[in-house]
Amino acid sequence: MNTLIKILNLLTKEERSRAVFILIMILFMALLDTLGVASIMPFIAVLTNPDLIVSNNLINKVYEYSTVFGVNTNQEFLFVLGLFVFFILVFSLIFKAFLTYIQLSFNSMCEYGLSKRMTESYLNQPYSWFLNRHSADLGKTILSEVGLMISKGLKPLMSLITYGTIAFAILILLVIADPLLALIIGVTLGISYLSIYKFTRSFLTRIGNERLKAN
């Protein structure tokens, strides 16, 4: 949490607003992915057992509603259902590609903006401030450390939010479909990630400090 707060404090108000907008897009993408997974299940079920069109109440209601659009046979309904699933999956992939572009653009602009603000801050310091600092260290901070903070800090954070939101949405779908299975998967994944985080946190902190000194 402290790392998240530090990263957010490095961003300007405008950059934080863009981050909120990206977060909204991530939530929408998670909804699309969940809808895509949810649409595959009834399609596969009807494909393997067409009798579900009559026996399953929900699928039967969808079939009756589709007759308004000229769907009159089981084969036509199955074809339309397949088109719907295909459209959802393709649209989800297109939106995901667009979101990836937005995230990469956001990361690059944050790197540029932070480097620019640090350079301006250095240039506005009095001459006496530079007497106790080496120019190579200042250049290293601007040219190296800022890029590393974005690539190893902000970018993984955005990826964590993206895939964490998708995983959470699909887990909710599993809770609706099979609560016991969802509980087992959720607990297993949660314990696994917490264990990995616990055992690697101190090691990553140590090698990060060593890298900083070496650089």
Protein backbone atom coordinates (compact mmCIF):
# COMPACT_ATOMS: atom_id res chain seq x y z
CA MET A 1 0.00 0.00 0.00
CA ASN A 2 2.89 2.38 0.79
CA THR A 3 4.36 1.70 -2.64
CA LEU A 4 1.02 2.47 -4.29
CA ILE A 5 0.74 5.76 -2.38
CA LYS A 6 4.29 6.74 -3.35
CA ILE A 7 3.61 6.04 -7.04
CA LEU A 8 0.37 8.03 -6.96
CA ASN A 9 2.12 10.97 -5.27
CA LEU A 10 4.61 11.09 -8.14
CA LEU A 11 1.79 11.64 -10.63
CA THR A 12 0.12 14.95 -11.38
CA LYS A 13 -3.60 15.58 -10.92
CA GLU A 14 -4.15 15.17 -14.67
CA GLU A 15 -2.24 11.88 -14.74
CA ARG A 16 -4.24 10.55 -11.81
CA SER A 17 -7.45 11.49 -13.64
CA ARG A 18 -6.26 9.53 -16.67
CA ALA A 19 -5.45 6.61 -14.38
CA VAL A 20 -9.04 6.66 -13.08
CA PHE A 21 -10.33 6.68 -16.67
CA ILE A 22 -8.12 3.67 -17.48
CA LEU A 23 -9.46 1.94 -14.37
CA ILE A 24 -13.01 2.40 -15.66
CA MET A 25 -11.94 0.87 -18.98
CA ILE A 26 -10.39 -2.04 -17.10
CA LEU A 27 -13.69 -2.67 -15.29
CA PHE A 28 -15.52 -2.63 -18.62
CA MET A 29 -12.99 -5.07 -20.10
CA ALA A 30 -13.47 -7.38 -17.11
CA LEU A 31 -17.21 -7.26 -17.76
CA LEU A 32 -16.64 -8.15 -21.42
CA ASP A 33 -14.37 -11.07 -20.55
CA THR A 34 -16.88 -12.36 -18.03
CA LEU A 35 -19.68 -12.02 -20.56
CA GLY A 36 -17.58 -13.89 -23.12
CA VAL A 37 -16.92 -16.76 -20.72
CA ALA A 38 -20.57 -16.82 -19.63
CA SER A 39 -21.79 -16.90 -23.25
CA ILE A 40 -19.58 -19.86 -24.18
CA MET A 41 -21.10 -22.15 -21.55
CA PRO A 42 -24.73 -22.11 -22.84
CA PHE A 43 -23.48 -22.28 -26.44
CA ILE A 44 -21.45 -25.43 -25.76
CA ALA A 45 -24.34 -26.88 -23.74
CA VAL A 46 -26.85 -26.32 -26.56
CA LEU A 47 -24.33 -27.54 -29.15
CA THR A 48 -23.86 -30.85 -27.33
CA ASN A 49 -27.50 -31.20 -26.28
CA PRO A 50 -30.02 -29.32 -28.49
CA ASP A 51 -32.87 -30.55 -26.27
CA LEU A 52 -31.89 -27.85 -23.76
CA ILE A 53 -33.62 -25.32 -26.01
CA VAL A 54 -36.89 -26.83 -24.82
CA SER A 55 -36.00 -28.21 -21.37
CA ASN A 56 -33.99 -25.25 -20.00
CA ASN A 57 -36.26 -22.36 -19.02
CA LEU A 58 -33.70 -19.60 -19.55
CA ILE A 59 -32.51 -20.85 -22.94
CA ASN A 60 -36.10 -21.48 -23.99
CA LYS A 61 -37.04 -17.87 -23.17
CA VAL A 62 -34.11 -16.61 -25.23
CA TYR A 63 -35.21 -18.88 -28.09
CA GLU A 64 -38.78 -17.58 -27.91
CA TYR A 65 -37.54 -14.00 -27.90
CA SER A 66 -35.28 -14.70 -30.91
CA THR A 67 -38.31 -15.76 -32.97
CA VAL A 68 -39.14 -12.04 -33.20
CA PHE A 69 -36.01 -11.66 -35.34
CA GLY A 70 -36.93 -14.54 -37.67
CA VAL A 71 -35.25 -17.44 -35.85
CA ASN A 72 -37.66 -20.36 -36.31
CA THR A 73 -35.59 -23.57 -35.96
CA ASN A 74 -33.11 -25.00 -33.51
CA GLN A 75 -30.36 -24.90 -36.13
CA GLU A 76 -30.96 -21.22 -36.79
CA PHE A 77 -30.97 -20.48 -33.06
CA LEU A 78 -27.70 -22.36 -32.61
CA PHE A 79 -26.17 -20.44 -35.53
CA VAL A 80 -27.28 -17.07 -34.09
CA LEU A 81 -26.01 -18.06 -30.65
CA GLY A 82 -22.64 -18.96 -32.17
CA LEU A 83 -22.48 -15.61 -33.98
CA PHE A 84 -23.25 -13.82 -30.72
CA VAL A 85 -20.46 -15.65 -28.88
CA PHE A 86 -18.03 -14.96 -31.75
CA PHE A 87 -18.94 -11.27 -31.77
CA ILE A 88 -18.47 -10.94 -28.00
CA LEU A 89 -15.05 -12.64 -28.11
CA VAL A 90 -13.81 -10.60 -31.09
CA PHE A 91 -15.05 -7.32 -29.60
CA SER A 92 -13.43 -8.25 -26.29
CA LEU A 93 -10.07 -8.86 -28.01
CA ILE A 94 -10.29 -5.58 -29.94
CA PHE A 95 -11.13 -3.64 -26.79
CA LYS A 96 -8.31 -5.38 -24.91
CA ALA A 97 -5.83 -4.39 -27.64
CA PHE A 98 -7.07 -0.79 -27.48
CA LEU A 99 -6.76 -0.78 -23.69
CA THR A 100 -3.20 -2.13 -23.94
CA TYR A 101 -2.32 0.74 -26.29
CA ILE A 102 -3.86 3.26 -23.87
CA GLN A 103 -1.92 1.79 -20.95
CA LEU A 104 1.41 1.83 -22.84
CA SER A 105 0.78 5.42 -23.93
CA PHE A 106 -0.08 6.38 -20.36
CA ASN A 107 3.11 4.76 -19.02
CA SER A 108 5.27 6.54 -21.60
CA MET A 109 3.67 9.93 -20.92
CA CYS A 110 4.10 9.43 -17.17
CA GLU A 111 7.79 8.66 -17.71
CA TYR A 112 8.20 11.77 -19.86
CA GLY A 113 6.27 13.98 -17.43
CA LEU A 114 8.15 12.77 -14.35
CA SER A 115 11.55 13.18 -16.06
CA LYS A 116 10.55 16.67 -17.18
CA ARG A 117 9.42 17.70 -13.69
CA MET A 118 12.60 16.36 -12.10
CA THR A 119 14.77 18.18 -14.63
CA GLU A 120 12.91 21.43 -13.98
CA SER A 121 13.27 20.89 -10.24
CA TYR A 122 17.04 20.40 -10.58
CA LEU A 123 17.44 23.45 -12.81
CA ASN A 124 15.55 25.64 -10.33
CA GLN A 125 17.87 24.76 -7.45
CA PRO A 126 20.43 27.33 -6.26
CA TYR A 127 24.08 26.91 -7.19
CA SER A 128 25.01 25.87 -3.65
CA TRP A 129 22.68 22.87 -3.95
CA PHE A 130 24.85 21.41 -6.74
CA LEU A 131 28.09 21.70 -4.80
CA ASN A 132 27.37 18.58 -2.73
CA ARG A 133 25.88 16.55 -5.60
CA HIS A 134 27.50 14.84 -8.55
CA SER A 135 26.10 15.54 -12.00
CA ALA A 136 26.35 11.84 -12.91
CA ASP A 137 24.07 10.97 -10.00
CA LEU A 138 21.51 13.55 -11.13
CA GLY A 139 21.66 12.27 -14.69
CA LYS A 140 21.31 8.69 -13.49
CA THR A 141 18.12 9.59 -11.60
CA ILE A 142 16.53 11.26 -14.61
CA LEU A 143 17.68 8.89 -17.35
CA SER A 144 17.63 5.57 -15.51
CA GLU A 145 15.70 5.53 -12.25
CA VAL A 146 12.59 7.24 -13.64
CA GLY A 147 12.31 4.73 -16.47
CA LEU A 148 12.85 1.87 -14.04
CA MET A 149 10.14 3.21 -11.72
CA ILE A 150 7.68 3.24 -14.62
CA SER A 151 8.66 -0.13 -16.13
CA LYS A 152 9.04 -1.98 -12.80
CA GLY A 153 6.54 -0.01 -10.72
CA LEU A 154 3.68 1.68 -12.55
CA LYS A 155 3.44 -0.78 -15.46
CA PRO A 156 3.27 -3.93 -13.27
CA LEU A 157 0.77 -2.12 -11.05
CA MET A 158 -1.48 -1.48 -14.05
CA SER A 159 -1.12 -5.11 -15.12
CA LEU A 160 -1.94 -6.27 -11.60
CA ILE A 161 -5.11 -4.17 -11.54
CA THR A 162 -6.09 -5.34 -15.04
CA TYR A 163 -5.69 -9.08 -14.58
CA GLY A 164 -6.74 -8.97 -10.94
CA THR A 165 -10.04 -7.36 -11.94
CA ILE A 166 -10.58 -9.95 -14.68
CA ALA A 167 -9.81 -12.79 -12.28
CA PHE A 168 -12.18 -11.34 -9.67
CA ALA A 169 -14.99 -10.97 -12.23
CA ILE A 170 -14.56 -14.54 -13.47
CA LEU A 171 -14.44 -15.75 -9.86
CA ILE A 172 -17.81 -14.08 -9.24
CA LEU A 173 -19.13 -15.89 -12.30
CA LEU A 174 -17.87 -19.16 -10.85
CA VAL A 175 -19.57 -18.37 -7.54
CA ILE A 176 -22.86 -18.02 -9.41
CA ALA A 177 -22.28 -21.22 -11.40
CA ASP A 178 -20.60 -23.40 -8.73
CA PRO A 179 -19.98 -21.81 -5.29
CA LEU A 180 -17.94 -24.72 -3.93
CA LEU A 181 -15.59 -24.81 -6.91
CA ALA A 182 -15.23 -21.02 -6.77
CA LEU A 183 -14.35 -21.20 -3.07
CA ILE A 184 -11.69 -23.85 -3.66
CA ILE A 185 -10.15 -21.95 -6.58
CA GLY A 186 -10.30 -18.60 -4.77
CA VAL A 187 -8.68 -19.90 -1.60
CA THR A 188 -6.01 -21.82 -3.53
CA LEU A 189 -5.04 -18.85 -5.69
CA GLY A 190 -5.18 -16.46 -2.75
CA ILE A 191 -2.90 -18.57 -0.58
CA SER A 192 -0.51 -19.18 -3.50
CA TYR A 193 -0.11 -15.48 -4.35
CA LEU A 194 0.19 -14.43 -0.69
CA SER A 195 2.84 -17.10 -0.12
CA ILE A 196 4.83 -16.01 -3.18
CA TYR A 197 4.58 -12.38 -2.10
CA LYS A 198 5.68 -13.16 1.46
CA PHE A 199 8.70 -15.23 0.47
CA THR A 200 9.93 -12.94 -2.31
CA ARG A 201 9.28 -9.50 -0.79
CA SER A 202 12.43 -9.30 1.34
CA PHE A 203 14.57 -10.79 -1.43
CA LEU A 204 13.27 -8.33 -4.02
CA THR A 205 13.80 -5.43 -1.62
CA ARG A 206 17.40 -6.49 -1.01
CA ILE A 207 18.36 -6.96 -4.64
CA GLY A 208 16.55 -3.72 -5.49
CA ASN A 209 18.72 -1.79 -3.03
CA GLU A 210 21.82 -3.53 -4.39
CA ARG A 211 20.86 -2.61 -7.94
CA LEU A 212 20.33 1.01 -6.93
CA LYS A 213 23.79 1.20 -5.36
CA ALA A 214 25.42 -0.57 -8.32
CA ASN A 215 23.74 1.79 -10.78
